[in-house]
Amino acid sequence: MSVILKSTQEGVTTVTLNRPEALNALSYELRRAITETFLELREDAATKVIILTGSGRAFCAGLDLKELGQEGFSQPAIDLQGAVSSVGKPIIGAIN
């Protein structure tokens, strides 16, 4: 199962966080996928506007504390904020 769902229609790309069982908590995998997706969308001429939403009953529960609490867990640096803020296109948060 992909942690990000993406679809584009008529210039609007919907990016959906897809970890509903964890209330879309930001695991390392999800943060990496969001970063990669927004870097791709920056260069995508078919995308004029981005809608960011979450699947299930929550938009996002924040960082995945279960993952962060694992003994020996480490993660390479990811510039999630930089990727999102530099996309250069309007972003609409569809927050449930």
PDB file of N, CA and C in Angstrom:
ATOM      1  N   MET A   1       0.834  -1.180   0.000  1.00  0.00           N
ATOM      2  CA  MET A   1       0.000   0.000   0.000  1.00  0.00           C
ATOM      3  C   MET A   1       0.882   1.247   0.000  1.00  0.00           C
ATOM      4  N   SER A   2       0.553   2.167  -0.869  1.00  0.00           N
ATOM      5  CA  SER A   2       1.297   3.415  -0.967  1.00  0.00           C
ATOM      6  C   SER A   2       0.858   4.371   0.142  1.00  0.00           C
ATOM      7  N   VAL A   3       1.807   5.063   0.737  1.00  0.00           N
ATOM      8  CA  VAL A   3       1.481   6.001   1.820  1.00  0.00           C
ATOM      9  C   VAL A   3       1.012   7.350   1.277  1.00  0.00           C
ATOM     10  N   ILE A   4       1.135   7.540  -0.044  1.00  0.00           N
ATOM     11  CA  ILE A   4       0.659   8.763  -0.704  1.00  0.00           C
ATOM     12  C   ILE A   4      -0.175   8.361  -1.905  1.00  0.00           C
ATOM     13  N   LEU A   5      -1.328   8.985  -2.048  1.00  0.00           N
ATOM     14  CA  LEU A   5      -2.144   8.823  -3.245  1.00  0.00           C
ATOM     15  C   LEU A   5      -2.135  10.160  -3.969  1.00  0.00           C
ATOM     16  N   LYS A   6      -2.046  10.123  -5.290  1.00  0.00           N
ATOM     17  CA  LYS A   6      -1.960  11.360  -6.059  1.00  0.00           C
ATOM     18  C   LYS A   6      -2.795  11.225  -7.317  1.00  0.00           C
ATOM     19  N   SER A   7      -3.623  12.231  -7.600  1.00  0.00           N
ATOM     20  CA  SER A   7      -4.383  12.241  -8.847  1.00  0.00           C
ATOM     21  C   SER A   7      -4.492  13.682  -9.337  1.00  0.00           C
ATOM     22  N   THR A   8      -4.488  13.834 -10.671  1.00  0.00           N
ATOM     23  CA  THR A   8      -4.564  15.159 -11.279  1.00  0.00           C
ATOM     24  C   THR A   8      -5.733  15.206 -12.244  1.00  0.00           C
ATOM     25  N   GLN A   9      -6.545  16.252 -12.105  1.00  0.00           N
ATOM     26  CA  GLN A   9      -7.662  16.485 -13.016  1.00  0.00           C
ATOM     27  C   GLN A   9      -7.781  17.986 -13.253  1.00  0.00           C
ATOM     28  N   GLU A  10      -7.746  18.366 -14.522  1.00  0.00           N
ATOM     29  CA  GLU A  10      -7.944  19.752 -14.924  1.00  0.00           C
ATOM     30  C   GLU A  10      -7.050  20.720 -14.158  1.00  0.00           C
ATOM     31  N   GLY A  11      -5.783  20.389 -14.006  1.00  0.00           N
ATOM     32  CA  GLY A  11      -4.819  21.266 -13.365  1.00  0.00           C
ATOM     33  C   GLY A  11      -4.772  21.195 -11.855  1.00  0.00           C
ATOM     34  N   VAL A  12      -5.664  20.415 -11.245  1.00  0.00           N
ATOM     35  CA  VAL A  12      -5.703  20.293  -9.786  1.00  0.00           C
ATOM     36  C   VAL A  12      -5.189  18.911  -9.397  1.00  0.00           C
ATOM     37  N   THR A  13      -4.117  18.889  -8.625  1.00  0.00           N
ATOM     38  CA  THR A  13      -3.566  17.625  -8.140  1.00  0.00           C
ATOM     39  C   THR A  13      -3.941  17.446  -6.675  1.00  0.00           C
ATOM     40  N   THR A  14      -4.574  16.326  -6.384  1.00  0.00           N
ATOM     41  CA  THR A  14      -4.920  15.994  -5.003  1.00  0.00           C
ATOM     42  C   THR A  14      -3.881  15.019  -4.466  1.00  0.00           C
ATOM     43  N   VAL A  15      -3.252  15.400  -3.377  1.00  0.00           N
ATOM     44  CA  VAL A  15      -2.264  14.562  -2.694  1.00  0.00           C
ATOM     45  C   VAL A  15      -2.913  14.118  -1.385  1.00  0.00           C
ATOM     46  N   THR A  16      -3.034  12.797  -1.210  1.00  0.00           N
ATOM     47  CA  THR A  16      -3.715  12.256  -0.036  1.00  0.00           C
ATOM     48  C   THR A  16      -2.739  11.462   0.820  1.00  0.00           C
ATOM     49  N   LEU A  17      -2.616  11.852   2.081  1.00  0.00           N
ATOM     50  CA  LEU A  17      -1.832  11.066   3.036  1.00  0.00           C
ATOM     51  C   LEU A  17      -2.615   9.785   3.273  1.00  0.00           C
ATOM     52  N   ASN A  18      -1.954   8.625   3.128  1.00  0.00           N
ATOM     53  CA  ASN A  18      -2.684   7.356   3.127  1.00  0.00           C
ATOM     54  C   ASN A  18      -2.178   6.381   4.187  1.00  0.00           C
ATOM     55  N   ARG A  19      -2.297   6.791   5.443  1.00  0.00           N
ATOM     56  CA  ARG A  19      -2.020   5.902   6.579  1.00  0.00           C
ATOM     57  C   ARG A  19      -3.186   6.018   7.558  1.00  0.00           C
ATOM     58  N   PRO A  20      -4.405   5.709   7.099  1.00  0.00           N
ATOM     59  CA  PRO A  20      -5.570   5.940   7.956  1.00  0.00           C
ATOM     60  C   PRO A  20      -5.540   5.135   9.250  1.00  0.00           C
ATOM     61  N   GLU A  21      -4.918   3.966   9.237  1.00  0.00           N
ATOM     62  CA  GLU A  21      -4.854   3.138  10.442  1.00  0.00           C
ATOM     63  C   GLU A  21      -4.029   3.795  11.540  1.00  0.00           C
ATOM     64  N   ALA A  22      -3.145   4.735  11.154  1.00  0.00           N
ATOM     65  CA  ALA A  22      -2.308   5.459  12.113  1.00  0.00           C
ATOM     66  C   ALA A  22      -2.687   6.934  12.159  1.00  0.00           C
ATOM     67  N   LEU A  23      -3.916   7.250  11.707  1.00  0.00           N
ATOM     68  CA  LEU A  23      -4.401   8.631  11.639  1.00  0.00           C
ATOM     69  C   LEU A  23      -3.444   9.525  10.841  1.00  0.00           C
ATOM     70  N   ASN A  24      -2.827   8.923   9.821  1.00  0.00           N
ATOM     71  CA  ASN A  24      -1.898   9.615   8.926  1.00  0.00           C
ATOM     72  C   ASN A  24      -0.720  10.244   9.670  1.00  0.00           C
ATOM     73  N   ALA A  25      -0.278   9.592  10.742  1.00  0.00           N
ATOM     74  CA  ALA A  25       0.885  10.064  11.492  1.00  0.00           C
ATOM     75  C   ALA A  25       2.099  10.084  10.560  1.00  0.00           C
ATOM     76  N   LEU A  26       2.941  11.085  10.734  1.00  0.00           N
ATOM     77  CA  LEU A  26       4.081  11.303   9.852  1.00  0.00           C
ATOM     78  C   LEU A  26       5.250  10.388  10.196  1.00  0.00           C
ATOM     79  N   SER A  27       5.225   9.205   9.623  1.00  0.00           N
ATOM     80  CA  SER A  27       6.355   8.281   9.748  1.00  0.00           C
ATOM     81  C   SER A  27       7.471   8.782   8.835  1.00  0.00           C
ATOM     82  N   TYR A  28       8.643   8.203   8.986  1.00  0.00           N
ATOM     83  CA  TYR A  28       9.748   8.559   8.100  1.00  0.00           C
ATOM     84  C   TYR A  28       9.356   8.295   6.650  1.00  0.00           C
ATOM     85  N   GLU A  29       8.736   7.159   6.388  1.00  0.00           N
ATOM     86  CA  GLU A  29       8.332   6.807   5.018  1.00  0.00           C
ATOM     87  C   GLU A  29       7.349   7.833   4.446  1.00  0.00           C
ATOM     88  N   LEU A  30       6.380   8.266   5.242  1.00  0.00           N
ATOM     89  CA  LEU A  30       5.401   9.238   4.766  1.00  0.00           C
ATOM     90  C   LEU A  30       6.051  10.600   4.538  1.00  0.00           C
ATOM     91  N   ARG A  31       6.912  11.031   5.445  1.00  0.00           N
ATOM     92  CA  ARG A  31       7.605  12.316   5.259  1.00  0.00           C
ATOM     93  C   ARG A  31       8.462  12.297   4.006  1.00  0.00           C
ATOM     94  N   ARG A  32       9.138  11.186   3.754  1.00  0.00           N
ATOM     95  CA  ARG A  32       9.958  11.058   2.548  1.00  0.00           C
ATOM     96  C   ARG A  32       9.080  11.097   1.306  1.00  0.00           C
ATOM     97  N   ALA A  33       7.948  10.405   1.337  1.00  0.00           N
ATOM     98  CA  ALA A  33       7.037  10.369   0.192  1.00  0.00           C
ATOM     99  C   ALA A  33       6.428  11.741  -0.087  1.00  0.00           C
ATOM    100  N   ILE A  34       6.064  12.488   0.959  1.00  0.00           N
ATOM    101  CA  ILE A  34       5.525  13.838   0.770  1.00  0.00           C
ATOM    102  C   ILE A  34       6.592  14.715   0.122  1.00  0.00           C
ATOM    103  N   THR A  35       7.807  14.644   0.628  1.00  0.00           N
ATOM    104  CA  THR A  35       8.905  15.444   0.077  1.00  0.00           C
ATOM    105  C   THR A  35       9.120  15.128  -1.393  1.00  0.00           C
ATOM    106  N   GLU A  36       9.213  13.853  -1.741  1.00  0.00           N
ATOM    107  CA  GLU A  36       9.421  13.456  -3.136  1.00  0.00           C
ATOM    108  C   GLU A  36       8.261  13.906  -4.021  1.00  0.00           C
ATOM    109  N   THR A  37       7.042  13.774  -3.525  1.00  0.00           N
ATOM    110  CA  THR A  37       5.857  14.164  -4.296  1.00  0.00           C
ATOM    111  C   THR A  37       5.861  15.656  -4.580  1.00  0.00           C
ATOM    112  N   PHE A  38       6.142  16.475  -3.582  1.00  0.00           N
ATOM    113  CA  PHE A  38       6.140  17.919  -3.797  1.00  0.00           C
ATOM    114  C   PHE A  38       7.299  18.369  -4.684  1.00  0.00           C
ATOM    115  N   LEU A  39       8.439  17.694  -4.621  1.00  0.00           N
ATOM    116  CA  LEU A  39       9.531  18.016  -5.541  1.00  0.00           C
ATOM    117  C   LEU A  39       9.130  17.689  -6.980  1.00  0.00           C
ATOM    118  N   GLU A  40       8.414  16.582  -7.177  1.00  0.00           N
ATOM    119  CA  GLU A  40       7.913  16.227  -8.508  1.00  0.00           C
ATOM    120  C   GLU A  40       6.878  17.241  -8.990  1.00  0.00           C
ATOM    121  N   LEU A  41       5.976  17.644  -8.109  1.00  0.00           N
ATOM    122  CA  LEU A  41       4.913  18.566  -8.489  1.00  0.00           C
ATOM    123  C   LEU A  41       5.445  19.949  -8.843  1.00  0.00           C
ATOM    124  N   ARG A  42       6.563  20.319  -8.257  1.00  0.00           N
ATOM    125  CA  ARG A  42       7.189  21.607  -8.581  1.00  0.00           C
ATOM    126  C   ARG A  42       7.502  21.686 -10.068  1.00  0.00           C
ATOM    127  N   GLU A  43       7.897  20.553 -10.655  1.00  0.00           N
ATOM    128  CA  GLU A  43       8.283  20.502 -12.066  1.00  0.00           C
ATOM    129  C   GLU A  43       7.140  20.067 -12.989  1.00  0.00           C
ATOM    130  N   ASP A  44       5.985  19.732 -12.436  1.00  0.00           N
ATOM    131  CA  ASP A  44       4.868  19.200 -13.214  1.00  0.00           C
ATOM    132  C   ASP A  44       4.028  20.332 -13.801  1.00  0.00           C
ATOM    133  N   ALA A  45       4.113  20.519 -15.117  1.00  0.00           N
ATOM    134  CA  ALA A  45       3.368  21.592 -15.790  1.00  0.00           C
ATOM    135  C   ALA A  45       1.858  21.351 -15.757  1.00  0.00           C
ATOM    136  N   ALA A  46       1.426  20.113 -15.609  1.00  0.00           N
ATOM    137  CA  ALA A  46      -0.006  19.797 -15.581  1.00  0.00           C
ATOM    138  C   ALA A  46      -0.652  20.197 -14.253  1.00  0.00           C
ATOM    139  N   THR A  47       0.151  20.440 -13.225  1.00  0.00           N
ATOM    140  CA  THR A  47      -0.371  20.810 -11.901  1.00  0.00           C
ATOM    141  C   THR A  47      -0.312  22.319 -11.732  1.00  0.00           C
ATOM    142  N   LYS A  48      -1.479  22.904 -11.516  1.00  0.00           N
ATOM    143  CA  LYS A  48      -1.580  24.353 -11.270  1.00  0.00           C
ATOM    144  C   LYS A  48      -1.880  24.645  -9.797  1.00  0.00           C
ATOM    145  N   VAL A  49      -2.619  23.736  -9.149  1.00  0.00           N
ATOM    146  CA  VAL A  49      -3.033  23.872  -7.758  1.00  0.00           C
ATOM    147  C   VAL A  49      -2.912  22.505  -7.095  1.00  0.00           C
ATOM    148  N   ILE A  50      -2.545  22.498  -5.813  1.00  0.00           N
ATOM    149  CA  ILE A  50      -2.412  21.246  -5.062  1.00  0.00           C
ATOM    150  C   ILE A  50      -3.393  21.257  -3.898  1.00  0.00           C
ATOM    151  N   ILE A  51      -4.136  20.162  -3.757  1.00  0.00           N
ATOM    152  CA  ILE A  51      -4.986  19.960  -2.584  1.00  0.00           C
ATOM    153  C   ILE A  51      -4.331  18.872  -1.750  1.00  0.00           C
ATOM    154  N   LEU A  52      -4.042  19.177  -0.490  1.00  0.00           N
ATOM    155  CA  LEU A  52      -3.423  18.211   0.421  1.00  0.00           C
ATOM    156  C   LEU A  52      -4.473  17.776   1.430  1.00  0.00           C
ATOM    157  N   THR A  53      -4.699  16.466   1.517  1.00  0.00           N
ATOM    158  CA  THR A  53      -5.718  15.934   2.423  1.00  0.00           C
ATOM    159  C   THR A  53      -5.230  14.621   3.031  1.00  0.00           C
ATOM    160  N   GLY A  54      -6.025  14.059   3.906  1.00  0.00           N
ATOM    161  CA  GLY A  54      -5.695  12.788   4.531  1.00  0.00           C
ATOM    162  C   GLY A  54      -6.832  11.795   4.370  1.00  0.00           C
ATOM    163  N   SER A  55      -6.492  10.532   4.230  1.00  0.00           N
ATOM    164  CA  SER A  55      -7.523   9.496   4.127  1.00  0.00           C
ATOM    165  C   SER A  55      -8.000   9.115   5.520  1.00  0.00           C
ATOM    166  N   GLY A  56      -9.222   8.618   5.587  1.00  0.00           N
ATOM    167  CA  GLY A  56      -9.769   8.197   6.869  1.00  0.00           C
ATOM    168  C   GLY A  56     -10.340   9.344   7.663  1.00  0.00           C
ATOM    169  N   ARG A  57     -10.355   9.187   8.977  1.00  0.00           N
ATOM    170  CA  ARG A  57     -11.043  10.146   9.834  1.00  0.00           C
ATOM    171  C   ARG A  57     -10.179  11.293  10.334  1.00  0.00           C
ATOM    172  N   ALA A  58      -8.883  11.301   9.993  1.00  0.00           N
ATOM    173  CA  ALA A  58      -8.002  12.380  10.456  1.00  0.00           C
ATOM    174  C   ALA A  58      -7.120  12.871   9.326  1.00  0.00           C
ATOM    175  N   PHE A  59      -6.869  14.167   9.332  1.00  0.00           N
ATOM    176  CA  PHE A  59      -5.929  14.726   8.356  1.00  0.00           C
ATOM    177  C   PHE A  59      -4.523  14.222   8.663  1.00  0.00           C
ATOM    178  N   CYS A  60      -4.045  14.485   9.873  1.00  0.00           N
ATOM    179  CA  CYS A  60      -2.704  14.051  10.269  1.00  0.00           C
ATOM    180  C   CYS A  60      -2.567  14.196  11.786  1.00  0.00           C
ATOM    181  N   ALA A  61      -2.090  13.151  12.431  1.00  0.00           N
ATOM    182  CA  ALA A  61      -1.938  13.149  13.887  1.00  0.00           C
ATOM    183  C   ALA A  61      -0.592  13.715  14.342  1.00  0.00           C
ATOM    184  N   GLY A  62       0.232  14.193  13.419  1.00  0.00           N
ATOM    185  CA  GLY A  62       1.559  14.693  13.778  1.00  0.00           C
ATOM    186  C   GLY A  62       2.602  13.610  13.559  1.00  0.00           C
ATOM    187  N   LEU A  63       3.753  13.769  14.192  1.00  0.00           N
ATOM    188  CA  LEU A  63       4.815  12.775  14.041  1.00  0.00           C
ATOM    189  C   LEU A  63       4.387  11.414  14.576  1.00  0.00           C
ATOM    190  N   ASP A  64       4.912  10.373  13.977  1.00  0.00           N
ATOM    191  CA  ASP A  64       4.619   8.999  14.395  1.00  0.00           C
ATOM    192  C   ASP A  64       5.455   8.690  15.636  1.00  0.00           C
ATOM    193  N   LEU A  65       4.854   8.866  16.807  1.00  0.00           N
ATOM    194  CA  LEU A  65       5.582   8.696  18.063  1.00  0.00           C
ATOM    195  C   LEU A  65       5.972   7.251  18.321  1.00  0.00           C
ATOM    196  N   LYS A  66       5.185   6.300  17.818  1.00  0.00           N
ATOM    197  CA  LYS A  66       5.554   4.884  17.972  1.00  0.00           C
ATOM    198  C   LYS A  66       6.871   4.608  17.253  1.00  0.00           C
ATOM    199  N   GLU A  67       7.010   5.142  16.066  1.00  0.00           N
ATOM    200  CA  GLU A  67       8.241   4.943  15.303  1.00  0.00           C
ATOM    201  C   GLU A  67       9.416   5.637  15.985  1.00  0.00           C
ATOM    202  N   LEU A  68       9.216   6.866  16.427  1.00  0.00           N
ATOM    203  CA  LEU A  68      10.296   7.615  17.074  1.00  0.00           C
ATOM    204  C   LEU A  68      10.747   6.966  18.375  1.00  0.00           C
ATOM    205  N   GLY A  69       9.834   6.247  19.049  1.00  0.00           N
ATOM    206  CA  GLY A  69      10.155   5.612  20.318  1.00  0.00           C
ATOM    207  C   GLY A  69      10.858   4.274  20.199  1.00  0.00           C
ATOM    208  N   GLN A  70      11.031   3.772  18.981  1.00  0.00           N
ATOM    209  CA  GLN A  70      11.693   2.486  18.798  1.00  0.00           C
ATOM    210  C   GLN A  70      13.178   2.601  19.144  1.00  0.00           C
ATOM    211  N   GLU A  71      13.661   1.634  19.871  1.00  0.00           N
ATOM    212  CA  GLU A  71      15.071   1.628  20.252  1.00  0.00           C
ATOM    213  C   GLU A  71      15.945   1.526  19.008  1.00  0.00           C
ATOM    214  N   GLY A  72      16.917   2.392  18.930  1.00  0.00           N
ATOM    215  CA  GLY A  72      17.850   2.368  17.810  1.00  0.00           C
ATOM    216  C   GLY A  72      17.333   3.017  16.541  1.00  0.00           C
ATOM    217  N   PHE A  73      16.141   3.622  16.599  1.00  0.00           N
ATOM    218  CA  PHE A  73      15.586   4.246  15.398  1.00  0.00           C
ATOM    219  C   PHE A  73      16.353   5.512  15.070  1.00  0.00           C
ATOM    220  N   SER A  74      16.794   5.601  13.843  1.00  0.00           N
ATOM    221  CA  SER A  74      17.425   6.829  13.366  1.00  0.00           C
ATOM    222  C   SER A  74      16.931   7.079  11.953  1.00  0.00           C
ATOM    223  N   GLN A  75      17.010   8.323  11.536  1.00  0.00           N
ATOM    224  CA  GLN A  75      16.492   8.676  10.227  1.00  0.00           C
ATOM    225  C   GLN A  75      17.383   9.721   9.579  1.00  0.00           C
ATOM    226  N   PRO A  76      17.634   9.578   8.292  1.00  0.00           N
ATOM    227  CA  PRO A  76      18.376  10.627   7.587  1.00  0.00           C
ATOM    228  C   PRO A  76      17.531  11.898   7.537  1.00  0.00           C
ATOM    229  N   ALA A  77      18.181  13.021   7.393  1.00  0.00           N
ATOM    230  CA  ALA A  77      17.474  14.302   7.323  1.00  0.00           C
ATOM    231  C   ALA A  77      16.626  14.379   6.053  1.00  0.00           C
ATOM    232  N   ILE A  78      15.433  14.941   6.208  1.00  0.00           N
ATOM    233  CA  ILE A  78      14.517  15.168   5.090  1.00  0.00           C
ATOM    234  C   ILE A  78      14.077  16.624   5.169  1.00  0.00           C
ATOM    235  N   ASP A  79      14.114  17.336   4.046  1.00  0.00           N
ATOM    236  CA  ASP A  79      13.677  18.732   4.031  1.00  0.00           C
ATOM    237  C   ASP A  79      12.231  18.817   3.556  1.00  0.00           C
ATOM    238  N   LEU A  80      11.321  18.296   4.376  1.00  0.00           N
ATOM    239  CA  LEU A  80       9.891  18.311   4.060  1.00  0.00           C
ATOM    240  C   LEU A  80       9.392  19.744   3.923  1.00  0.00           C
ATOM    241  N   GLN A  81       9.714  20.587   4.872  1.00  0.00           N
ATOM    242  CA  GLN A  81       9.256  21.974   4.846  1.00  0.00           C
ATOM    243  C   GLN A  81       9.768  22.691   3.596  1.00  0.00           C
ATOM    244  N   GLY A  82      11.013  22.475   3.234  1.00  0.00           N
ATOM    245  CA  GLY A  82      11.583  23.106   2.048  1.00  0.00           C
ATOM    246  C   GLY A  82      10.896  22.660   0.774  1.00  0.00           C
ATOM    247  N   ALA A  83      10.580  21.369   0.677  1.00  0.00           N
ATOM    248  CA  ALA A  83       9.918  20.840  -0.518  1.00  0.00           C
ATOM    249  C   ALA A  83       8.519  21.418  -0.667  1.00  0.00           C
ATOM    250  N   VAL A  84       7.780  21.510   0.433  1.00  0.00           N
ATOM    251  CA  VAL A  84       6.414  22.023   0.377  1.00  0.00           C
ATOM    252  C   VAL A  84       6.424  23.531   0.117  1.00  0.00           C
ATOM    253  N   SER A  85       7.270  24.270   0.816  1.00  0.00           N
ATOM    254  CA  SER A  85       7.264  25.729   0.675  1.00  0.00           C
ATOM    255  C   SER A  85       7.838  26.200  -0.657  1.00  0.00           C
ATOM    256  N   SER A  86       8.640  25.383  -1.315  1.00  0.00           N
ATOM    257  CA  SER A  86       9.239  25.801  -2.584  1.00  0.00           C
ATOM    258  C   SER A  86       8.506  25.243  -3.808  1.00  0.00           C
ATOM    259  N   VAL A  87       7.337  24.642  -3.622  1.00  0.00           N
ATOM    260  CA  VAL A  87       6.614  24.038  -4.747  1.00  0.00           C
ATOM    261  C   VAL A  87       6.175  25.105  -5.762  1.00  0.00           C
ATOM    262  N   GLY A  88       5.951  26.329  -5.300  1.00  0.00           N
ATOM    263  CA  GLY A  88       5.633  27.410  -6.218  1.00  0.00           C
ATOM    264  C   GLY A  88       4.224  27.388  -6.783  1.00  0.00           C
ATOM    265  N   LYS A  89       3.335  26.670  -6.130  1.00  0.00           N
ATOM    266  CA  LYS A  89       1.944  26.557  -6.579  1.00  0.00           C
ATOM    267  C   LYS A  89       1.050  26.680  -5.350  1.00  0.00           C
ATOM    268  N   PRO A  90      -0.175  27.187  -5.530  1.00  0.00           N
ATOM    269  CA  PRO A  90      -1.081  27.269  -4.371  1.00  0.00           C
ATOM    270  C   PRO A  90      -1.363  25.881  -3.796  1.00  0.00           C
ATOM    271  N   ILE A  91      -1.400  25.819  -2.473  1.00  0.00           N
ATOM    272  CA  ILE A  91      -1.707  24.576  -1.765  1.00  0.00           C
ATOM    273  C   ILE A  91      -2.936  24.820  -0.902  1.00  0.00           C
ATOM    274  N   ILE A  92      -3.919  23.950  -1.070  1.00  0.00           N
ATOM    275  CA  ILE A  92      -5.140  24.023  -0.280  1.00  0.00           C
ATOM    276  C   ILE A  92      -5.147  22.826   0.660  1.00  0.00           C
ATOM    277  N   GLY A  93      -5.298  23.082   1.948  1.00  0.00           N
ATOM    278  CA  GLY A  93      -5.400  22.006   2.926  1.00  0.00           C
ATOM    279  C   GLY A  93      -6.856  21.631   3.109  1.00  0.00           C
ATOM    280  N   ALA A  94      -7.209  20.423   2.704  1.00  0.00           N
ATOM    281  CA  ALA A  94      -8.562  19.902   2.897  1.00  0.00           C
ATOM    282  C   ALA A  94      -8.530  19.042   4.144  1.00  0.00           C
ATOM    283  N   ILE A  95      -8.806  19.678   5.274  1.00  0.00           N
ATOM    284  CA  ILE A  95      -8.594  19.045   6.574  1.00  0.00           C
ATOM    285  C   ILE A  95      -9.909  18.509   7.119  1.00  0.00           C
ATOM    286  N   ASN A  96      -9.935  17.195   7.387  1.00  0.00           N
ATOM    287  CA  ASN A  96     -11.133  16.590   7.946  1.00  0.00           C
ATOM    288  C   ASN A  96     -10.994  16.466   9.443  1.00  0.00           C
TER     289      ASN A  96
END
